[in-house]
Full PDB file with SEQRES, HELIX, SHEET, SSBOND, CRYST1, ORIGX, SCALE, CONECT and MASTER records, all heavy atoms in Angstrom:
SEQRES   1 A   41  LYS THR PHE ALA THR LYS SER THR VAL GLN LYS LEU GLN          
SEQRES   2 A   41  THR THR ALA GLN PHE THR GLY GLY GLU TYR GLY PHE TYR          
SEQRES   3 A   41  SER VAL ASN ALA ALA VAL TYR ALA SER ASN GLY LYS THR          
SEQRES   4 A   41  SER PHE                                                      
SHEET    1 AA1 2 GLN A  10  GLY A  21  0                                        
SHEET    2 AA1 2 PHE A  25  ASN A  36 -1                                        
CRYST1    1.000    1.000    1.000  90.00  90.00  90.00 P 1           1          
ORIGX1      1.000000  0.000000  0.000000        0.00000                         
ORIGX2      0.000000  1.000000  0.000000        0.00000                         
ORIGX3      0.000000  0.000000  1.000000        0.00000                         
SCALE1      1.000000  0.000000  0.000000        0.00000                         
SCALE2      0.000000  1.000000  0.000000        0.00000                         
SCALE3      0.000000  0.000000  1.000000        0.00000                         
ATOM      1  N   LYS A   1       0.806  -1.211   0.009  1.00  0.00           N  
ATOM      2  CA  LYS A   1       0.016   0.015  -0.009  1.00  0.00           C  
ATOM      3  C   LYS A   1       0.863   1.300  -0.008  1.00  0.00           C  
ATOM      4  O   LYS A   1       0.521   2.256  -0.677  1.00  0.00           O  
ATOM      5  CB  LYS A   1      -0.923  -0.019   1.197  1.00  0.00           C  
ATOM      6  CG  LYS A   1      -1.885  -1.160   1.196  1.00  0.00           C  
ATOM      7  CD  LYS A   1      -2.664  -1.288   2.557  1.00  0.00           C  
ATOM      8  CE  LYS A   1      -3.554  -2.499   2.543  1.00  0.00           C  
ATOM      9  NZ  LYS A   1      -4.241  -2.725   3.849  1.00  0.00           N  
ATOM     10  N   THR A   2       1.932   1.267   0.762  1.00  0.00           N  
ATOM     11  CA  THR A   2       2.751   2.481   0.849  1.00  0.00           C  
ATOM     12  C   THR A   2       3.620   2.721  -0.406  1.00  0.00           C  
ATOM     13  O   THR A   2       4.013   3.854  -0.671  1.00  0.00           O  
ATOM     14  CB  THR A   2       3.639   2.447   2.067  1.00  0.00           C  
ATOM     15  OG1 THR A   2       4.302   1.220   2.132  1.00  0.00           O  
ATOM     16  CG2 THR A   2       2.833   2.600   3.333  1.00  0.00           C  
ATOM     17  N   PHE A   3       3.930   1.650  -1.152  1.00  0.00           N  
ATOM     18  CA  PHE A   3       4.754   1.762  -2.289  1.00  0.00           C  
ATOM     19  C   PHE A   3       3.909   1.916  -3.598  1.00  0.00           C  
ATOM     20  O   PHE A   3       4.438   2.346  -4.646  1.00  0.00           O  
ATOM     21  CB  PHE A   3       5.683   0.579  -2.455  1.00  0.00           C  
ATOM     22  CG  PHE A   3       6.925   0.625  -1.645  1.00  0.00           C  
ATOM     23  CD1 PHE A   3       6.877   0.605  -0.257  1.00  0.00           C  
ATOM     24  CD2 PHE A   3       8.190   0.689  -2.248  1.00  0.00           C  
ATOM     25  CE1 PHE A   3       8.017   0.641   0.512  1.00  0.00           C  
ATOM     26  CE2 PHE A   3       9.326   0.746  -1.489  1.00  0.00           C  
ATOM     27  CZ  PHE A   3       9.255   0.734  -0.089  1.00  0.00           C  
ATOM     28  N   ALA A   4       2.622   1.523  -3.558  1.00  0.00           N  
ATOM     29  CA  ALA A   4       1.842   1.436  -4.772  1.00  0.00           C  
ATOM     30  C   ALA A   4       1.584   2.774  -5.373  1.00  0.00           C  
ATOM     31  O   ALA A   4       1.710   2.969  -6.596  1.00  0.00           O  
ATOM     32  CB  ALA A   4       0.542   0.731  -4.486  1.00  0.00           C  
ATOM     33  N   THR A   5       1.086   3.721  -4.622  1.00  0.00           N  
ATOM     34  CA  THR A   5       0.694   5.025  -5.126  1.00  0.00           C  
ATOM     35  C   THR A   5       1.015   6.136  -4.142  1.00  0.00           C  
ATOM     36  O   THR A   5       1.312   5.863  -3.000  1.00  0.00           O  
ATOM     37  CB  THR A   5      -0.829   5.090  -5.425  1.00  0.00           C  
ATOM     38  OG1 THR A   5      -1.512   4.781  -4.205  1.00  0.00           O  
ATOM     39  CG2 THR A   5      -1.216   4.063  -6.487  1.00  0.00           C  
ATOM     40  N   LYS A   6       0.929   7.352  -4.590  1.00  0.00           N  
ATOM     41  CA  LYS A   6       1.077   8.454  -3.673  1.00  0.00           C  
ATOM     42  C   LYS A   6      -0.152   8.580  -2.784  1.00  0.00           C  
ATOM     43  O   LYS A   6      -1.245   8.134  -3.105  1.00  0.00           O  
ATOM     44  CB  LYS A   6       1.132   9.786  -4.537  1.00  0.00           C  
ATOM     45  CG  LYS A   6       2.412   9.955  -5.361  1.00  0.00           C  
ATOM     46  CD  LYS A   6       2.368  11.280  -6.052  1.00  0.00           C  
ATOM     47  CE  LYS A   6       3.614  11.512  -6.893  1.00  0.00           C  
ATOM     48  NZ  LYS A   6       3.569  12.804  -7.633  1.00  0.00           N  
ATOM     49  N   SER A   7       0.095   9.082  -1.595  1.00  0.00           N  
ATOM     50  CA  SER A   7      -0.995   9.309  -0.655  1.00  0.00           C  
ATOM     51  C   SER A   7      -1.828  10.514  -1.114  1.00  0.00           C  
ATOM     52  O   SER A   7      -1.262  11.626  -1.223  1.00  0.00           O  
ATOM     53  CB  SER A   7      -0.462   9.555   0.758  1.00  0.00           C  
ATOM     54  OG  SER A   7       0.352   8.472   1.151  1.00  0.00           O  
ATOM     55  N   THR A   8      -3.093  10.308  -1.388  1.00  0.00           N  
ATOM     56  CA  THR A   8      -3.905  11.442  -1.850  1.00  0.00           C  
ATOM     57  C   THR A   8      -5.083  11.721  -0.939  1.00  0.00           C  
ATOM     58  O   THR A   8      -5.748  12.789  -1.075  1.00  0.00           O  
ATOM     59  CB  THR A   8      -4.439  11.163  -3.312  1.00  0.00           C  
ATOM     60  OG1 THR A   8      -5.150   9.917  -3.322  1.00  0.00           O  
ATOM     61  CG2 THR A   8      -3.241  11.085  -4.278  1.00  0.00           C  
ATOM     62  N   VAL A   9      -5.502  10.762  -0.119  1.00  0.00           N  
ATOM     63  CA  VAL A   9      -6.656  10.938   0.745  1.00  0.00           C  
ATOM     64  C   VAL A   9      -6.309  10.610   2.194  1.00  0.00           C  
ATOM     65  O   VAL A   9      -5.387   9.775   2.423  1.00  0.00           O  
ATOM     66  CB  VAL A   9      -7.887  10.055   0.316  1.00  0.00           C  
ATOM     67  CG1 VAL A   9      -8.334  10.535  -1.086  1.00  0.00           C  
ATOM     68  CG2 VAL A   9      -7.495   8.635   0.268  1.00  0.00           C  
ATOM     69  N   GLN A  10      -6.979  11.139   3.108  1.00  0.00           N  
ATOM     70  CA  GLN A  10      -6.765  10.818   4.533  1.00  0.00           C  
ATOM     71  C   GLN A  10      -7.479   9.484   4.826  1.00  0.00           C  
ATOM     72  O   GLN A  10      -8.633   9.278   4.430  1.00  0.00           O  
ATOM     73  CB  GLN A  10      -7.341  11.924   5.413  1.00  0.00           C  
ATOM     74  CG  GLN A  10      -6.541  13.222   5.291  1.00  0.00           C  
ATOM     75  CD  GLN A  10      -6.984  14.253   6.295  1.00  0.00           C  
ATOM     76  OE1 GLN A  10      -7.792  13.947   7.180  1.00  0.00           O  
ATOM     77  NE2 GLN A  10      -6.484  15.510   6.181  1.00  0.00           N  
ATOM     78  N   LYS A  11      -6.783   8.626   5.523  1.00  0.00           N  
ATOM     79  CA  LYS A  11      -7.326   7.295   5.797  1.00  0.00           C  
ATOM     80  C   LYS A  11      -6.654   6.667   7.015  1.00  0.00           C  
ATOM     81  O   LYS A  11      -5.481   6.838   7.229  1.00  0.00           O  
ATOM     82  CB  LYS A  11      -7.122   6.377   4.568  1.00  0.00           C  
ATOM     83  CG  LYS A  11      -7.784   5.040   4.678  1.00  0.00           C  
ATOM     84  CD  LYS A  11      -7.597   4.274   3.381  1.00  0.00           C  
ATOM     85  CE  LYS A  11      -8.296   2.891   3.429  1.00  0.00           C  
ATOM     86  NZ  LYS A  11      -8.124   2.127   2.188  1.00  0.00           N  
ATOM     87  N   LEU A  12      -7.414   5.959   7.820  1.00  0.00           N  
ATOM     88  CA  LEU A  12      -6.871   5.193   8.920  1.00  0.00           C  
ATOM     89  C   LEU A  12      -7.579   3.883   8.996  1.00  0.00           C  
ATOM     90  O   LEU A  12      -8.821   3.808   9.084  1.00  0.00           O  
ATOM     91  CB  LEU A  12      -7.038   5.988  10.215  1.00  0.00           C  
ATOM     92  CG  LEU A  12      -6.590   5.215  11.530  1.00  0.00           C  
ATOM     93  CD1 LEU A  12      -5.151   4.877  11.471  1.00  0.00           C  
ATOM     94  CD2 LEU A  12      -6.961   5.997  12.761  1.00  0.00           C  
ATOM     95  N   GLN A  13      -6.885   2.776   9.007  1.00  0.00           N  
ATOM     96  CA  GLN A  13      -7.446   1.462   9.039  1.00  0.00           C  
ATOM     97  C   GLN A  13      -6.603   0.552   9.899  1.00  0.00           C  
ATOM     98  O   GLN A  13      -5.376   0.479   9.727  1.00  0.00           O  
ATOM     99  CB  GLN A  13      -7.612   0.862   7.644  1.00  0.00           C  
ATOM    100  CG  GLN A  13      -8.381  -0.445   7.650  1.00  0.00           C  
ATOM    101  CD  GLN A  13      -8.661  -0.964   6.216  1.00  0.00           C  
ATOM    102  OE1 GLN A  13      -7.921  -0.581   5.334  1.00  0.00           O  
ATOM    103  NE2 GLN A  13      -9.678  -1.795   6.113  1.00  0.00           N  
ATOM    104  N   THR A  14      -7.242  -0.146  10.860  1.00  0.00           N  
ATOM    105  CA  THR A  14      -6.570  -1.067  11.730  1.00  0.00           C  
ATOM    106  C   THR A  14      -7.287  -2.398  11.686  1.00  0.00           C  
ATOM    107  O   THR A  14      -8.534  -2.421  11.797  1.00  0.00           O  
ATOM    108  CB  THR A  14      -6.528  -0.551  13.183  1.00  0.00           C  
ATOM    109  OG1 THR A  14      -5.898   0.696  13.201  1.00  0.00           O  
ATOM    110  CG2 THR A  14      -5.761  -1.542  14.056  1.00  0.00           C  
ATOM    111  N   THR A  15      -6.577  -3.488  11.528  1.00  0.00           N  
ATOM    112  CA  THR A  15      -7.206  -4.873  11.461  1.00  0.00           C  
ATOM    113  C   THR A  15      -6.410  -5.737  12.385  1.00  0.00           C  
ATOM    114  O   THR A  15      -5.181  -5.610  12.540  1.00  0.00           O  
ATOM    115  CB  THR A  15      -7.241  -5.417  10.040  1.00  0.00           C  
ATOM    116  OG1 THR A  15      -5.920  -5.505   9.547  1.00  0.00           O  
ATOM    117  CG2 THR A  15      -8.073  -4.499   9.127  1.00  0.00           C  
ATOM    118  N   ALA A  16      -7.099  -6.739  12.946  1.00  0.00           N  
ATOM    119  CA  ALA A  16      -6.445  -7.737  13.767  1.00  0.00           C  
ATOM    120  C   ALA A  16      -7.234  -9.023  13.699  1.00  0.00           C  
ATOM    121  O   ALA A  16      -8.449  -9.011  13.769  1.00  0.00           O  
ATOM    122  CB  ALA A  16      -6.290  -7.262  15.188  1.00  0.00           C  
ATOM    123  N   GLN A  17      -6.536 -10.113  13.611  1.00  0.00           N  
ATOM    124  CA  GLN A  17      -7.159 -11.451  13.573  1.00  0.00           C  
ATOM    125  C   GLN A  17      -6.407 -12.338  14.530  1.00  0.00           C  
ATOM    126  O   GLN A  17      -5.180 -12.420  14.525  1.00  0.00           O  
ATOM    127  CB  GLN A  17      -7.127 -12.056  12.185  1.00  0.00           C  
ATOM    128  CG  GLN A  17      -7.671 -13.475  12.113  1.00  0.00           C  
ATOM    129  CD  GLN A  17      -7.824 -13.973  10.690  1.00  0.00           C  
ATOM    130  OE1 GLN A  17      -8.392 -13.355   9.830  1.00  0.00           O  
ATOM    131  NE2 GLN A  17      -7.182 -15.132  10.442  1.00  0.00           N  
ATOM    132  N   PHE A  18      -7.151 -13.022  15.453  1.00  0.00           N  
ATOM    133  CA  PHE A  18      -6.555 -13.914  16.458  1.00  0.00           C  
ATOM    134  C   PHE A  18      -7.199 -15.249  16.273  1.00  0.00           C  
ATOM    135  O   PHE A  18      -8.406 -15.426  16.240  1.00  0.00           O  
ATOM    136  CB  PHE A  18      -6.850 -13.381  17.876  1.00  0.00           C  
ATOM    137  CG  PHE A  18      -6.419 -11.948  18.096  1.00  0.00           C  
ATOM    138  CD1 PHE A  18      -7.315 -10.917  17.957  1.00  0.00           C  
ATOM    139  CD2 PHE A  18      -5.077 -11.703  18.469  1.00  0.00           C  
ATOM    140  CE1 PHE A  18      -6.890  -9.599  18.119  1.00  0.00           C  
ATOM    141  CE2 PHE A  18      -4.709 -10.395  18.695  1.00  0.00           C  
ATOM    142  CZ  PHE A  18      -5.546  -9.317  18.531  1.00  0.00           C  
ATOM    143  N   THR A  19      -6.322 -16.286  16.163  1.00  0.00           N  
ATOM    144  CA  THR A  19      -6.775 -17.645  15.899  1.00  0.00           C  
ATOM    145  C   THR A  19      -6.137 -18.625  16.846  1.00  0.00           C  
ATOM    146  O   THR A  19      -4.957 -18.484  17.199  1.00  0.00           O  
ATOM    147  CB  THR A  19      -6.387 -18.066  14.439  1.00  0.00           C  
ATOM    148  OG1 THR A  19      -6.764 -17.057  13.527  1.00  0.00           O  
ATOM    149  CG2 THR A  19      -7.042 -19.394  14.057  1.00  0.00           C  
ATOM    150  N   GLY A  20      -6.938 -19.609  17.298  1.00  0.00           N  
ATOM    151  CA  GLY A  20      -6.416 -20.687  18.133  1.00  0.00           C  
ATOM    152  C   GLY A  20      -6.946 -21.979  17.613  1.00  0.00           C  
ATOM    153  O   GLY A  20      -7.994 -22.049  16.922  1.00  0.00           O  
ATOM    154  N   GLY A  21      -6.255 -23.056  17.929  1.00  0.00           N  
ATOM    155  CA  GLY A  21      -6.718 -24.359  17.432  1.00  0.00           C  
ATOM    156  C   GLY A  21      -5.989 -25.523  18.048  1.00  0.00           C  
ATOM    157  O   GLY A  21      -5.295 -25.393  19.058  1.00  0.00           O  
ATOM    158  N   GLU A  22      -6.205 -26.691  17.457  1.00  0.00           N  
ATOM    159  CA  GLU A  22      -5.571 -27.926  17.989  1.00  0.00           C  
ATOM    160  C   GLU A  22      -4.032 -27.856  17.907  1.00  0.00           C  
ATOM    161  O   GLU A  22      -3.454 -27.032  17.216  1.00  0.00           O  
ATOM    162  CB  GLU A  22      -6.038 -29.089  17.152  1.00  0.00           C  
ATOM    163  CG  GLU A  22      -7.501 -29.415  17.255  1.00  0.00           C  
ATOM    164  CD  GLU A  22      -7.879 -30.611  16.406  1.00  0.00           C  
ATOM    165  OE1 GLU A  22      -7.903 -30.495  15.141  1.00  0.00           O  
ATOM    166  OE2 GLU A  22      -8.128 -31.665  16.965  1.00  0.00           O  
ATOM    167  N   TYR A  23      -3.439 -28.753  18.686  1.00  0.00           N  
ATOM    168  CA  TYR A  23      -1.954 -28.917  18.727  1.00  0.00           C  
ATOM    169  C   TYR A  23      -1.236 -27.597  19.141  1.00  0.00           C  
ATOM    170  O   TYR A  23      -0.216 -27.236  18.589  1.00  0.00           O  
ATOM    171  CB  TYR A  23      -1.455 -29.384  17.346  1.00  0.00           C  
ATOM    172  CG  TYR A  23      -2.197 -30.573  16.843  1.00  0.00           C  
ATOM    173  CD1 TYR A  23      -3.152 -30.469  15.844  1.00  0.00           C  
ATOM    174  CD2 TYR A  23      -1.998 -31.829  17.420  1.00  0.00           C  
ATOM    175  CE1 TYR A  23      -3.862 -31.559  15.370  1.00  0.00           C  
ATOM    176  CE2 TYR A  23      -2.718 -32.939  16.937  1.00  0.00           C  
ATOM    177  CZ  TYR A  23      -3.632 -32.792  15.918  1.00  0.00           C  
ATOM    178  OH  TYR A  23      -4.353 -33.877  15.488  1.00  0.00           O  
ATOM    179  N   GLY A  24      -1.897 -26.890  20.043  1.00  0.00           N  
ATOM    180  CA  GLY A  24      -1.287 -25.679  20.587  1.00  0.00           C  
ATOM    181  C   GLY A  24      -1.146 -24.562  19.578  1.00  0.00           C  
ATOM    182  O   GLY A  24      -0.318 -23.675  19.767  1.00  0.00           O  
ATOM    183  N   PHE A  25      -1.984 -24.547  18.545  1.00  0.00           N  
ATOM    184  CA  PHE A  25      -1.877 -23.518  17.530  1.00  0.00           C  
ATOM    185  C   PHE A  25      -2.451 -22.211  17.990  1.00  0.00           C  
ATOM    186  O   PHE A  25      -3.552 -22.150  18.484  1.00  0.00           O  
ATOM    187  CB  PHE A  25      -2.627 -23.985  16.254  1.00  0.00           C  
ATOM    188  CG  PHE A  25      -2.592 -22.915  15.166  1.00  0.00           C  
ATOM    189  CD1 PHE A  25      -1.436 -22.656  14.463  1.00  0.00           C  
ATOM    190  CD2 PHE A  25      -3.727 -22.224  14.865  1.00  0.00           C  
ATOM    191  CE1 PHE A  25      -1.422 -21.694  13.460  1.00  0.00           C  
ATOM    192  CE2 PHE A  25      -3.767 -21.253  13.873  1.00  0.00           C  
ATOM    193  CZ  PHE A  25      -2.574 -20.949  13.166  1.00  0.00           C  
ATOM    194  N   TYR A  26      -1.677 -21.137  17.794  1.00  0.00           N  
ATOM    195  CA  TYR A  26      -2.184 -19.802  17.953  1.00  0.00           C  
ATOM    196  C   TYR A  26      -1.543 -18.890  16.939  1.00  0.00           C  
ATOM    197  O   TYR A  26      -0.358 -19.096  16.571  1.00  0.00           O  
ATOM    198  CB  TYR A  26      -1.991 -19.251  19.365  1.00  0.00           C  
ATOM    199  CG  TYR A  26      -0.543 -19.054  19.816  1.00  0.00           C  
ATOM    200  CD1 TYR A  26       0.101 -17.838  19.691  1.00  0.00           C  
ATOM    201  CD2 TYR A  26       0.164 -20.134  20.347  1.00  0.00           C  
ATOM    202  CE1 TYR A  26       1.409 -17.689  20.068  1.00  0.00           C  
ATOM    203  CE2 TYR A  26       1.499 -19.977  20.760  1.00  0.00           C  
ATOM    204  CZ  TYR A  26       2.129 -18.733  20.634  1.00  0.00           C  
ATOM    205  OH  TYR A  26       3.419 -18.573  20.992  1.00  0.00           O  
ATOM    206  N   SER A  27      -2.300 -17.893  16.468  1.00  0.00           N  
ATOM    207  CA  SER A  27      -1.846 -17.010  15.400  1.00  0.00           C  
ATOM    208  C   SER A  27      -2.345 -15.618  15.633  1.00  0.00           C  
ATOM    209  O   SER A  27      -3.449 -15.406  16.106  1.00  0.00           O  
ATOM    210  CB  SER A  27      -2.342 -17.554  14.033  1.00  0.00           C  
ATOM    211  OG  SER A  27      -2.017 -16.627  13.022  1.00  0.00           O  
ATOM    212  N   VAL A  28      -1.488 -14.656  15.277  1.00  0.00           N  
ATOM    213  CA  VAL A  28      -1.862 -13.242  15.302  1.00  0.00           C  
ATOM    214  C   VAL A  28      -1.529 -12.645  13.931  1.00  0.00           C  
ATOM    215  O   VAL A  28      -0.405 -12.791  13.426  1.00  0.00           O  
ATOM    216  CB  VAL A  28      -1.126 -12.431  16.412  1.00  0.00           C  
ATOM    217  CG1 VAL A  28      -1.449 -10.980  16.327  1.00  0.00           C  
ATOM    218  CG2 VAL A  28      -1.403 -13.026  17.739  1.00  0.00           C  
ATOM    219  N   ASN A  29      -2.505 -11.998  13.337  1.00  0.00           N  
ATOM    220  CA  ASN A  29      -2.308 -11.271  12.084  1.00  0.00           C  
ATOM    221  C   ASN A  29      -2.896  -9.907  12.239  1.00  0.00           C  
ATOM    222  O   ASN A  29      -4.135  -9.725  12.240  1.00  0.00           O  
ATOM    223  CB  ASN A  29      -2.990 -12.067  10.930  1.00  0.00           C  
ATOM    224  CG  ASN A  29      -2.856 -11.280   9.580  1.00  0.00           C  
ATOM    225  OD1 ASN A  29      -1.959 -10.472   9.414  1.00  0.00           O  
ATOM    226  ND2 ASN A  29      -3.726 -11.570   8.664  1.00  0.00           N  
ATOM    227  N   ALA A  30      -2.037  -8.869  12.428  1.00  0.00           N  
ATOM    228  CA  ALA A  30      -2.554  -7.530  12.652  1.00  0.00           C  
ATOM    229  C   ALA A  30      -1.801  -6.506  11.795  1.00  0.00           C  
ATOM    230  O   ALA A  30      -0.665  -6.757  11.382  1.00  0.00           O  
ATOM    231  CB  ALA A  30      -2.331  -7.168  14.132  1.00  0.00           C  
ATOM    232  N   ALA A  31      -2.489  -5.405  11.485  1.00  0.00           N  
ATOM    233  CA  ALA A  31      -1.894  -4.412  10.613  1.00  0.00           C  
ATOM    234  C   ALA A  31      -2.562  -3.066  10.836  1.00  0.00           C  
ATOM    235  O   ALA A  31      -3.706  -2.971  11.292  1.00  0.00           O  
ATOM    236  CB  ALA A  31      -2.032  -4.807   9.137  1.00  0.00           C  
ATOM    237  N   VAL A  32      -1.803  -1.984  10.529  1.00  0.00           N  
ATOM    238  CA  VAL A  32      -2.352  -0.638  10.558  1.00  0.00           C  
ATOM    239  C   VAL A  32      -1.830   0.068   9.294  1.00  0.00           C  
ATOM    240  O   VAL A  32      -0.744  -0.134   8.858  1.00  0.00           O  
ATOM    241  CB  VAL A  32      -1.877   0.109  11.835  1.00  0.00           C  
ATOM    242  CG1 VAL A  32      -0.353   0.201  11.899  1.00  0.00           C  
ATOM    243  CG2 VAL A  32      -2.499   1.492  11.881  1.00  0.00           C  
ATOM    244  N   TYR A  33      -2.777   0.882   8.739  1.00  0.00           N  
ATOM    245  CA  TYR A  33      -2.412   1.701   7.590  1.00  0.00           C  
ATOM    246  C   TYR A  33      -3.010   3.076   7.806  1.00  0.00           C  
ATOM    247  O   TYR A  33      -4.204   3.200   8.139  1.00  0.00           O  
ATOM    248  CB  TYR A  33      -2.910   1.171   6.273  1.00  0.00           C  
ATOM    249  CG  TYR A  33      -2.603   2.053   5.061  1.00  0.00           C  
ATOM    250  CD1 TYR A  33      -1.357   2.111   4.538  1.00  0.00           C  
ATOM    251  CD2 TYR A  33      -3.638   2.859   4.568  1.00  0.00           C  
ATOM    252  CE1 TYR A  33      -1.109   2.966   3.471  1.00  0.00           C  
ATOM    253  CE2 TYR A  33      -3.345   3.704   3.500  1.00  0.00           C  
ATOM    254  CZ  TYR A  33      -2.107   3.751   2.967  1.00  0.00           C  
ATOM    255  OH  TYR A  33      -1.804   4.585   1.902  1.00  0.00           O  
ATOM    256  N   ALA A  34      -2.185   4.087   7.685  1.00  0.00           N  
ATOM    257  CA  ALA A  34      -2.612   5.483   7.886  1.00  0.00           C  
ATOM    258  C   ALA A  34      -2.070   6.405   6.845  1.00  0.00           C  
ATOM    259  O   ALA A  34      -0.889   6.232   6.387  1.00  0.00           O  
ATOM    260  CB  ALA A  34      -2.188   5.960   9.304  1.00  0.00           C  
ATOM    261  N   SER A  35      -2.861   7.378   6.429  1.00  0.00           N  
ATOM    262  CA  SER A  35      -2.428   8.382   5.447  1.00  0.00           C  
ATOM    263  C   SER A  35      -3.080   9.700   5.743  1.00  0.00           C  
ATOM    264  O   SER A  35      -4.259   9.757   6.091  1.00  0.00           O  
ATOM    265  CB  SER A  35      -2.819   7.923   4.059  1.00  0.00           C  
ATOM    266  OG  SER A  35      -2.494   8.950   3.102  1.00  0.00           O  
ATOM    267  N   ASN A  36      -2.325  10.781   5.670  1.00  0.00           N  
ATOM    268  CA  ASN A  36      -2.880  12.156   5.822  1.00  0.00           C  
ATOM    269  C   ASN A  36      -2.980  12.883   4.526  1.00  0.00           C  
ATOM    270  O   ASN A  36      -3.224  14.106   4.521  1.00  0.00           O  
ATOM    271  CB  ASN A  36      -2.035  12.950   6.841  1.00  0.00           C  
ATOM    272  CG  ASN A  36      -0.617  13.160   6.328  1.00  0.00           C  
ATOM    273  OD1 ASN A  36      -0.266  12.846   5.173  1.00  0.00           O  
ATOM    274  ND2 ASN A  36       0.227  13.774   7.173  1.00  0.00           N  
ATOM    275  N   GLY A  37      -2.867  12.180   3.434  1.00  0.00           N  
ATOM    276  CA  GLY A  37      -2.932  12.764   2.119  1.00  0.00           C  
ATOM    277  C   GLY A  37      -1.601  13.124   1.527  1.00  0.00           C  
ATOM    278  O   GLY A  37      -1.435  13.427   0.313  1.00  0.00           O  
ATOM    279  N   LYS A  38      -0.538  13.037   2.350  1.00  0.00           N  
ATOM    280  CA  LYS A  38       0.808  13.321   1.900  1.00  0.00           C  
ATOM    281  C   LYS A  38       1.788  12.269   2.344  1.00  0.00           C  
ATOM    282  O   LYS A  38       2.654  11.879   1.573  1.00  0.00           O  
ATOM    283  CB  LYS A  38       1.209  14.697   2.435  1.00  0.00           C  
ATOM    284  CG  LYS A  38       2.511  15.196   1.785  1.00  0.00           C  
ATOM    285  CD  LYS A  38       2.804  16.661   2.211  1.00  0.00           C  
ATOM    286  CE  LYS A  38       4.038  17.198   1.500  1.00  0.00           C  
ATOM    287  NZ  LYS A  38       4.312  18.617   1.868  1.00  0.00           N  
ATOM    288  N   THR A  39       1.627  11.792   3.533  1.00  0.00           N  
ATOM    289  CA  THR A  39       2.495  10.764   4.118  1.00  0.00           C  
ATOM    290  C   THR A  39       1.609   9.543   4.475  1.00  0.00           C  
ATOM    291  O   THR A  39       0.541   9.696   5.076  1.00  0.00           O  
ATOM    292  CB  THR A  39       3.198  11.302   5.355  1.00  0.00           C  
ATOM    293  OG1 THR A  39       3.932  12.418   5.046  1.00  0.00           O  
ATOM    294  CG2 THR A  39       4.113  10.188   5.928  1.00  0.00           C  
ATOM    295  N   SER A  40       2.103   8.411   4.099  1.00  0.00           N  
ATOM    296  CA  SER A  40       1.403   7.142   4.450  1.00  0.00           C  
ATOM    297  C   SER A  40       2.310   6.238   5.264  1.00  0.00           C  
ATOM    298  O   SER A  40       3.529   6.279   5.079  1.00  0.00           O  
ATOM    299  CB  SER A  40       0.940   6.406   3.178  1.00  0.00           C  
ATOM    300  OG  SER A  40       2.052   6.043   2.386  1.00  0.00           O  
ATOM    301  N   PHE A  41       1.672   5.467   6.140  1.00  0.00           N  
ATOM    302  CA  PHE A  41       2.426   4.574   7.004  1.00  0.00           C  
ATOM    303  C   PHE A  41       1.740   3.225   7.077  1.00  0.00           C  
ATOM    304  O   PHE A  41       0.517   3.182   7.224  1.00  0.00           O  
ATOM    305  CB  PHE A  41       2.565   5.162   8.416  1.00  0.00           C  
ATOM    306  CG  PHE A  41       3.164   4.206   9.427  1.00  0.00           C  
ATOM    307  CD1 PHE A  41       4.514   3.964   9.466  1.00  0.00           C  
ATOM    308  CD2 PHE A  41       2.349   3.482  10.321  1.00  0.00           C  
ATOM    309  CE1 PHE A  41       5.058   3.087  10.378  1.00  0.00           C  
ATOM    310  CE2 PHE A  41       2.900   2.595  11.205  1.00  0.00           C  
ATOM    311  CZ  PHE A  41       4.250   2.390  11.264  1.00  0.00           C  
TER     312      PHE A  41                                                      
MASTER        0    0    0    0    2    0    0    6  311    1    0    4          
END                                                                             
């Protein structure tokens, strides 16, 4: 997202997924993306 295009709009998005299962399985998949129209992170 940060390399694809220039930042042109303000945006904030946060996602997180937590998973558990058999055989002691646990997983975390989390991300944040923010843009003020000029700088994106």
